[in-house]
Amino acid sequence: MIPDTEPILATDPALLGVLDELVRREPIFHREEFGRTRADFGNMTVSDFWEVGASGRRYSRGLVLDELEKRYSDPYSDEWETMGFRCRKLGEDVYLLTYTLIQDKQRVTRRSTIWQHTPDGWKIVYHQGTIVYHQGTIVA
């Protein structure tokens, strides 16, 4: 018998308000209502923010801000769909949000973002994307 390997992906009912607020902010850096400039993206992140990309490489806040500035210097759009959101409290005002992202109907990634609620609003502490499926190939 194969043990069940999938976790229970449920959000504590006490966190549904937080879940709703964070869902509106994901995928990060793709919500124009929160801005499109380097300064906007800088305001969304804590000073020591970093991420692990789908490649497995680590990226500093500075590099991420550089890349976002390049991306949005010209008109930019992509097609995406999100699903399966789950929120978990990690500490005082710190939350883990996980979900699945489908980009351009061909790339599926599992996403994790650690968010912190600060006096200045929500800030991204850490982000990771892991490719599950890309162009007809199941990766994970």
N, C-alpha and C. Protein backbone atom coordinates (compact mmCIF):
# COMPACT_ATOMS: atom_id res chain seq x y z
N MET A 1 0.84 -1.17 0.00
CA MET A 1 0.00 0.00 0.00
C MET A 1 0.89 1.25 0.00
N ILE A 2 0.57 2.20 -0.86
CA ILE A 2 1.32 3.45 -0.96
C ILE A 2 0.70 4.46 0.01
N PRO A 3 1.53 5.03 0.91
CA PRO A 3 0.97 6.02 1.84
C PRO A 3 0.53 7.28 1.09
N ASP A 4 -0.45 7.96 1.64
CA ASP A 4 -0.93 9.21 1.05
C ASP A 4 0.17 10.26 1.21
N THR A 5 0.66 10.78 0.10
CA THR A 5 1.77 11.74 0.14
C THR A 5 1.31 13.19 0.07
N GLU A 6 0.09 13.40 -0.32
CA GLU A 6 -0.41 14.78 -0.44
C GLU A 6 -0.81 15.32 0.93
N PRO A 7 -0.39 16.54 1.24
CA PRO A 7 -0.78 17.15 2.52
C PRO A 7 -2.24 17.60 2.47
N ILE A 8 -2.79 17.82 3.62
CA ILE A 8 -4.13 18.41 3.71
C ILE A 8 -3.96 19.91 3.50
N LEU A 9 -4.56 20.41 2.45
CA LEU A 9 -4.40 21.82 2.10
C LEU A 9 -5.64 22.60 2.49
N ALA A 10 -5.72 22.93 3.75
CA ALA A 10 -6.86 23.68 4.27
C ALA A 10 -6.34 24.87 5.06
N THR A 11 -7.10 25.94 5.02
CA THR A 11 -6.77 27.14 5.79
C THR A 11 -7.64 27.16 7.04
N ASP A 12 -7.02 27.45 8.16
CA ASP A 12 -7.75 27.61 9.42
C ASP A 12 -8.82 28.68 9.20
N PRO A 13 -10.06 28.40 9.53
CA PRO A 13 -11.13 29.38 9.34
C PRO A 13 -10.82 30.75 9.98
N ALA A 14 -10.03 30.78 11.03
CA ALA A 14 -9.67 32.05 11.66
C ALA A 14 -8.79 32.91 10.76
N LEU A 15 -8.22 32.31 9.72
CA LEU A 15 -7.31 33.04 8.82
C LEU A 15 -7.95 33.40 7.48
N LEU A 16 -9.24 33.18 7.33
CA LEU A 16 -9.88 33.42 6.04
C LEU A 16 -9.81 34.88 5.61
N GLY A 17 -9.84 35.81 6.54
CA GLY A 17 -9.69 37.23 6.20
C GLY A 17 -8.30 37.53 5.66
N VAL A 18 -7.28 36.97 6.29
CA VAL A 18 -5.89 37.13 5.83
C VAL A 18 -5.74 36.47 4.46
N LEU A 19 -6.28 35.26 4.32
CA LEU A 19 -6.23 34.55 3.05
C LEU A 19 -6.80 35.43 1.94
N ASP A 20 -7.96 36.01 2.17
CA ASP A 20 -8.61 36.85 1.16
C ASP A 20 -7.72 38.04 0.79
N GLU A 21 -7.12 38.70 1.77
CA GLU A 21 -6.25 39.85 1.49
C GLU A 21 -5.04 39.44 0.66
N LEU A 22 -4.43 38.30 0.98
CA LEU A 22 -3.22 37.88 0.29
C LEU A 22 -3.49 37.33 -1.10
N VAL A 23 -4.62 36.65 -1.28
CA VAL A 23 -4.99 36.14 -2.60
C VAL A 23 -5.06 37.30 -3.60
N ARG A 24 -5.56 38.45 -3.16
CA ARG A 24 -5.67 39.60 -4.05
C ARG A 24 -4.31 40.16 -4.46
N ARG A 25 -3.23 39.75 -3.78
CA ARG A 25 -1.88 40.26 -4.06
C ARG A 25 -1.03 39.28 -4.88
N GLU A 26 -1.57 38.11 -5.17
CA GLU A 26 -0.82 37.09 -5.89
C GLU A 26 -1.38 36.91 -7.30
N PRO A 27 -0.54 36.52 -8.26
CA PRO A 27 0.88 36.32 -8.09
C PRO A 27 1.60 37.65 -7.87
N ILE A 28 2.62 37.60 -7.02
CA ILE A 28 3.34 38.82 -6.68
C ILE A 28 3.93 39.44 -7.95
N PHE A 29 3.99 40.76 -7.93
CA PHE A 29 4.57 41.57 -9.01
C PHE A 29 3.78 41.48 -10.32
N HIS A 30 2.56 40.93 -10.28
CA HIS A 30 1.72 40.85 -11.48
C HIS A 30 0.38 41.56 -11.29
N ARG A 31 0.23 42.27 -10.21
CA ARG A 31 -1.03 42.97 -9.93
C ARG A 31 -0.80 44.47 -10.10
N GLU A 32 -1.25 44.99 -11.23
CA GLU A 32 -1.00 46.39 -11.56
C GLU A 32 -1.57 47.36 -10.53
N GLU A 33 -2.61 46.97 -9.83
CA GLU A 33 -3.18 47.88 -8.83
C GLU A 33 -2.21 48.15 -7.68
N PHE A 34 -1.17 47.31 -7.55
CA PHE A 34 -0.16 47.53 -6.52
C PHE A 34 1.09 48.18 -7.09
N GLY A 35 1.08 48.48 -8.39
CA GLY A 35 2.17 49.22 -9.00
C GLY A 35 2.92 48.48 -10.07
N ARG A 36 3.70 49.27 -10.84
CA ARG A 36 4.50 48.73 -11.95
C ARG A 36 5.91 49.30 -11.97
N THR A 37 6.28 50.07 -10.95
CA THR A 37 7.60 50.69 -10.95
C THR A 37 8.53 50.02 -9.94
N ARG A 38 9.81 50.28 -10.10
CA ARG A 38 10.79 49.73 -9.17
C ARG A 38 10.46 50.14 -7.74
N ALA A 39 10.08 51.41 -7.56
CA ALA A 39 9.73 51.90 -6.22
C ALA A 39 8.52 51.14 -5.67
N ASP A 40 7.52 50.90 -6.52
CA ASP A 40 6.34 50.14 -6.09
C ASP A 40 6.75 48.74 -5.62
N PHE A 41 7.57 48.07 -6.43
CA PHE A 41 7.99 46.72 -6.09
C PHE A 41 8.86 46.72 -4.84
N GLY A 42 9.70 47.74 -4.70
CA GLY A 42 10.51 47.87 -3.49
C GLY A 42 9.65 48.02 -2.26
N ASN A 43 8.56 48.78 -2.38
CA ASN A 43 7.64 48.97 -1.26
C ASN A 43 6.87 47.70 -0.90
N MET A 44 6.80 46.75 -1.83
CA MET A 44 6.10 45.50 -1.57
C MET A 44 6.95 44.50 -0.80
N THR A 45 8.25 44.75 -0.70
CA THR A 45 9.17 43.77 -0.14
C THR A 45 9.89 44.32 1.09
N VAL A 46 10.29 43.42 1.99
CA VAL A 46 11.14 43.80 3.11
C VAL A 46 12.55 44.01 2.56
N SER A 47 13.39 44.69 3.32
CA SER A 47 14.72 45.04 2.82
C SER A 47 15.61 43.83 2.56
N ASP A 48 15.37 42.71 3.25
CA ASP A 48 16.20 41.52 3.02
C ASP A 48 15.42 40.42 2.28
N PHE A 49 14.42 40.83 1.49
CA PHE A 49 13.66 39.89 0.65
C PHE A 49 14.62 39.14 -0.28
N TRP A 50 14.29 37.88 -0.53
CA TRP A 50 14.96 37.11 -1.58
C TRP A 50 14.02 36.04 -2.06
N GLU A 51 14.38 35.40 -3.17
CA GLU A 51 13.51 34.35 -3.69
C GLU A 51 14.34 33.24 -4.31
N VAL A 52 13.69 32.10 -4.45
CA VAL A 52 14.25 30.97 -5.20
C VAL A 52 13.36 30.82 -6.42
N GLY A 53 13.98 30.95 -7.59
CA GLY A 53 13.23 30.84 -8.82
C GLY A 53 12.95 29.40 -9.20
N ALA A 54 12.18 29.23 -10.25
CA ALA A 54 11.82 27.89 -10.72
C ALA A 54 13.05 27.08 -11.11
N SER A 55 14.13 27.76 -11.46
CA SER A 55 15.38 27.09 -11.82
C SER A 55 16.10 26.51 -10.61
N GLY A 56 15.70 26.96 -9.41
CA GLY A 56 16.40 26.57 -8.20
C GLY A 56 17.44 27.58 -7.77
N ARG A 57 17.68 28.59 -8.60
CA ARG A 57 18.66 29.63 -8.27
C ARG A 57 18.07 30.60 -7.26
N ARG A 58 18.94 31.14 -6.40
CA ARG A 58 18.54 32.16 -5.45
C ARG A 58 18.75 33.54 -6.08
N TYR A 59 17.81 34.44 -5.80
CA TYR A 59 17.88 35.79 -6.35
C TYR A 59 17.73 36.82 -5.23
N SER A 60 18.61 37.79 -5.23
CA SER A 60 18.56 38.87 -4.24
C SER A 60 17.44 39.84 -4.57
N ARG A 61 17.09 40.62 -3.59
CA ARG A 61 16.07 41.67 -3.79
C ARG A 61 16.50 42.61 -4.92
N GLY A 62 17.76 43.01 -4.91
CA GLY A 62 18.25 43.93 -5.94
C GLY A 62 18.09 43.37 -7.34
N LEU A 63 18.46 42.11 -7.53
CA LEU A 63 18.33 41.49 -8.85
C LEU A 63 16.87 41.39 -9.25
N VAL A 64 16.01 40.99 -8.33
CA VAL A 64 14.58 40.90 -8.64
C VAL A 64 14.05 42.27 -9.05
N LEU A 65 14.41 43.31 -8.32
CA LEU A 65 13.94 44.66 -8.66
C LEU A 65 14.48 45.10 -10.02
N ASP A 66 15.74 44.76 -10.33
CA ASP A 66 16.31 45.07 -11.65
C ASP A 66 15.51 44.40 -12.76
N GLU A 67 15.21 43.12 -12.58
CA GLU A 67 14.47 42.37 -13.61
C GLU A 67 13.05 42.90 -13.78
N LEU A 68 12.40 43.24 -12.66
CA LEU A 68 11.04 43.79 -12.76
C LEU A 68 11.05 45.14 -13.45
N GLU A 69 12.05 45.94 -13.17
CA GLU A 69 12.17 47.25 -13.83
C GLU A 69 12.31 47.06 -15.34
N LYS A 70 13.12 46.09 -15.78
CA LYS A 70 13.27 45.80 -17.21
C LYS A 70 11.95 45.30 -17.79
N ARG A 71 11.29 44.36 -17.09
CA ARG A 71 10.05 43.76 -17.59
C ARG A 71 8.99 44.83 -17.84
N TYR A 72 8.86 45.76 -16.92
CA TYR A 72 7.78 46.74 -17.02
C TYR A 72 8.19 48.03 -17.71
N SER A 73 9.40 48.09 -18.29
CA SER A 73 9.82 49.30 -19.00
C SER A 73 9.07 49.44 -20.33
N ASP A 74 8.55 48.35 -20.85
CA ASP A 74 7.72 48.33 -22.05
C ASP A 74 6.38 47.72 -21.69
N PRO A 75 5.37 47.92 -22.53
CA PRO A 75 4.09 47.26 -22.23
C PRO A 75 4.31 45.76 -22.03
N TYR A 76 3.69 45.23 -21.01
CA TYR A 76 3.91 43.84 -20.65
C TYR A 76 2.60 43.20 -20.23
N SER A 77 2.39 41.98 -20.69
CA SER A 77 1.24 41.23 -20.21
C SER A 77 1.54 39.73 -20.35
N ASP A 78 0.92 38.96 -19.52
CA ASP A 78 0.98 37.51 -19.64
C ASP A 78 -0.34 36.96 -19.13
N GLU A 79 -0.62 35.75 -19.52
CA GLU A 79 -1.89 35.13 -19.13
C GLU A 79 -1.61 34.16 -17.99
N TRP A 80 -2.37 34.30 -16.91
CA TRP A 80 -2.16 33.42 -15.77
C TRP A 80 -3.48 33.12 -15.07
N GLU A 81 -3.45 31.97 -14.40
CA GLU A 81 -4.60 31.53 -13.61
C GLU A 81 -4.05 30.97 -12.30
N THR A 82 -4.71 31.33 -11.20
CA THR A 82 -4.28 30.84 -9.89
C THR A 82 -5.36 29.96 -9.29
N MET A 83 -4.92 29.03 -8.41
CA MET A 83 -5.88 28.13 -7.76
C MET A 83 -5.23 27.49 -6.54
N GLY A 84 -6.06 26.90 -5.69
CA GLY A 84 -5.58 26.11 -4.58
C GLY A 84 -4.87 26.89 -3.49
N PHE A 85 -5.35 28.07 -3.19
CA PHE A 85 -4.69 28.90 -2.17
C PHE A 85 -4.86 28.31 -0.77
N ARG A 86 -3.81 28.43 0.01
CA ARG A 86 -3.81 28.02 1.41
C ARG A 86 -2.97 29.02 2.20
N CYS A 87 -3.44 29.36 3.37
CA CYS A 87 -2.72 30.31 4.23
C CYS A 87 -2.44 29.63 5.57
N ARG A 88 -1.24 29.85 6.08
CA ARG A 88 -0.85 29.32 7.39
C ARG A 88 -0.10 30.40 8.15
N LYS A 89 -0.46 30.58 9.40
CA LYS A 89 0.23 31.56 10.25
C LYS A 89 1.55 30.95 10.71
N LEU A 90 2.65 31.69 10.51
CA LEU A 90 3.97 31.22 10.92
C LEU A 90 4.44 31.87 12.21
N GLY A 91 3.96 33.06 12.49
CA GLY A 91 4.37 33.81 13.68
C GLY A 91 3.54 35.07 13.77
N GLU A 92 3.87 35.92 14.71
CA GLU A 92 3.13 37.17 14.87
C GLU A 92 3.21 38.00 13.59
N ASP A 93 2.09 38.19 12.91
CA ASP A 93 1.98 38.98 11.68
C ASP A 93 2.76 38.41 10.51
N VAL A 94 3.10 37.12 10.52
CA VAL A 94 3.84 36.48 9.43
C VAL A 94 3.04 35.26 8.96
N TYR A 95 2.85 35.16 7.63
CA TYR A 95 2.00 34.13 7.06
C TYR A 95 2.64 33.51 5.82
N LEU A 96 2.38 32.23 5.63
CA LEU A 96 2.79 31.52 4.44
C LEU A 96 1.56 31.34 3.55
N LEU A 97 1.68 31.78 2.31
CA LEU A 97 0.61 31.58 1.33
C LEU A 97 1.14 30.65 0.25
N THR A 98 0.42 29.57 -0.03
CA THR A 98 0.80 28.65 -1.09
C THR A 98 -0.33 28.54 -2.09
N TYR A 99 0.04 28.27 -3.34
CA TYR A 99 -0.97 28.13 -4.40
C TYR A 99 -0.32 27.57 -5.65
N THR A 100 -1.14 27.31 -6.65
CA THR A 100 -0.67 26.85 -7.96
C THR A 100 -0.93 27.96 -8.98
N LEU A 101 0.05 28.17 -9.86
CA LEU A 101 -0.05 29.19 -10.91
C LEU A 101 0.10 28.50 -12.26
N ILE A 102 -0.82 28.81 -13.18
CA ILE A 102 -0.71 28.36 -14.56
C ILE A 102 -0.44 29.59 -15.41
N GLN A 103 0.70 29.57 -16.11
CA GLN A 103 1.09 30.71 -16.95
C GLN A 103 0.98 30.32 -18.41
N ASP A 104 0.32 31.19 -19.17
CA ASP A 104 0.19 31.02 -20.62
C ASP A 104 -0.31 29.62 -21.01
N LYS A 105 -1.12 29.02 -20.16
CA LYS A 105 -1.75 27.72 -20.39
C LYS A 105 -0.75 26.59 -20.64
N GLN A 106 0.54 26.79 -20.27
CA GLN A 106 1.51 25.74 -20.55
C GLN A 106 2.55 25.52 -19.46
N ARG A 107 2.60 26.39 -18.48
CA ARG A 107 3.60 26.24 -17.42
C ARG A 107 2.88 26.27 -16.07
N VAL A 108 3.02 25.18 -15.32
CA VAL A 108 2.38 25.08 -14.01
C VAL A 108 3.47 25.12 -12.95
N THR A 109 3.31 26.02 -11.99
CA THR A 109 4.25 26.11 -10.88
C THR A 109 3.49 26.11 -9.57
N ARG A 110 4.15 25.58 -8.55
CA ARG A 110 3.63 25.69 -7.19
C ARG A 110 4.37 26.85 -6.56
N ARG A 111 3.64 27.74 -5.93
CA ARG A 111 4.20 28.97 -5.39
C ARG A 111 4.05 29.04 -3.88
N SER A 112 5.05 29.63 -3.24
CA SER A 112 5.04 29.88 -1.80
C SER A 112 5.54 31.30 -1.57
N THR A 113 4.77 32.06 -0.83
CA THR A 113 5.20 33.41 -0.48
C THR A 113 5.03 33.58 1.02
N ILE A 114 6.06 34.09 1.66
CA ILE A 114 5.96 34.45 3.08
C ILE A 114 5.68 35.95 3.12
N TRP A 115 4.57 36.29 3.77
CA TRP A 115 4.10 37.66 3.89
C TRP A 115 4.20 38.12 5.34
N GLN A 116 4.49 39.40 5.51
CA GLN A 116 4.50 40.01 6.84
C GLN A 116 3.58 41.22 6.82
N HIS A 117 2.69 41.29 7.81
CA HIS A 117 1.83 42.47 7.93
C HIS A 117 2.56 43.48 8.80
N THR A 118 2.86 44.65 8.23
CA THR A 118 3.61 45.70 8.92
C THR A 118 2.74 46.93 9.08
N PRO A 119 3.19 47.92 9.84
CA PRO A 119 2.42 49.17 9.93
C PRO A 119 2.23 49.86 8.57
N ASP A 120 3.12 49.54 7.61
CA ASP A 120 3.01 50.11 6.26
C ASP A 120 2.22 49.22 5.31
N GLY A 121 1.66 48.15 5.81
CA GLY A 121 0.89 47.23 4.97
C GLY A 121 1.61 45.91 4.78
N TRP A 122 1.15 45.12 3.82
CA TRP A 122 1.71 43.80 3.55
C TRP A 122 3.05 43.92 2.83
N LYS A 123 4.02 43.12 3.28
CA LYS A 123 5.36 43.08 2.68
C LYS A 123 5.72 41.62 2.40
N ILE A 124 6.41 41.41 1.28
CA ILE A 124 6.86 40.07 0.91
C ILE A 124 8.23 39.85 1.54
N VAL A 125 8.36 38.75 2.28
CA VAL A 125 9.61 38.40 2.94
C VAL A 125 10.41 37.44 2.07
N TYR A 126 9.73 36.47 1.46
CA TYR A 126 10.38 35.42 0.70
C TYR A 126 9.38 34.86 -0.31
N HIS A 127 9.91 34.39 -1.45
CA HIS A 127 9.05 33.79 -2.47
C HIS A 127 9.79 32.65 -3.15
N GLN A 128 9.04 31.60 -3.51
CA GLN A 128 9.62 30.49 -4.27
C GLN A 128 8.59 29.96 -5.25
N GLY A 129 9.06 29.62 -6.44
CA GLY A 129 8.24 28.96 -7.44
C GLY A 129 8.91 27.68 -7.88
N THR A 130 8.16 26.60 -7.95
CA THR A 130 8.69 25.30 -8.36
C THR A 130 7.89 24.80 -9.55
N ILE A 131 8.58 24.53 -10.65
CA ILE A 131 7.89 24.05 -11.85
C ILE A 131 7.38 22.64 -11.63
N VAL A 132 6.11 22.42 -12.00
CA VAL A 132 5.49 21.11 -11.91
C VAL A 132 5.30 20.54 -13.33
N TYR A 133 4.96 21.40 -14.27
CA TYR A 133 4.64 20.97 -15.63
C TYR A 133 5.00 22.10 -16.58
N HIS A 134 5.70 21.77 -17.67
CA HIS A 134 6.06 22.81 -18.63
C HIS A 134 6.12 22.21 -20.03
N GLN A 135 5.36 22.81 -20.94
CA GLN A 135 5.34 22.43 -22.35
C GLN A 135 5.26 20.91 -22.56
N GLY A 136 4.30 20.30 -21.92
CA GLY A 136 4.05 18.87 -22.13
C GLY A 136 4.88 17.93 -21.29
N THR A 137 5.73 18.45 -20.41
CA THR A 137 6.58 17.60 -19.58
C THR A 137 6.24 17.78 -18.11
N ILE A 138 5.94 16.68 -17.45
CA ILE A 138 5.72 16.73 -16.00
C ILE A 138 7.09 16.75 -15.34
N VAL A 139 7.33 17.79 -14.54
CA VAL A 139 8.63 17.99 -13.91
C VAL A 139 8.64 17.43 -12.50
N ALA A 140 7.56 17.61 -11.77
CA ALA A 140 7.51 17.13 -10.38
C ALA A 140 6.18 16.47 -10.10
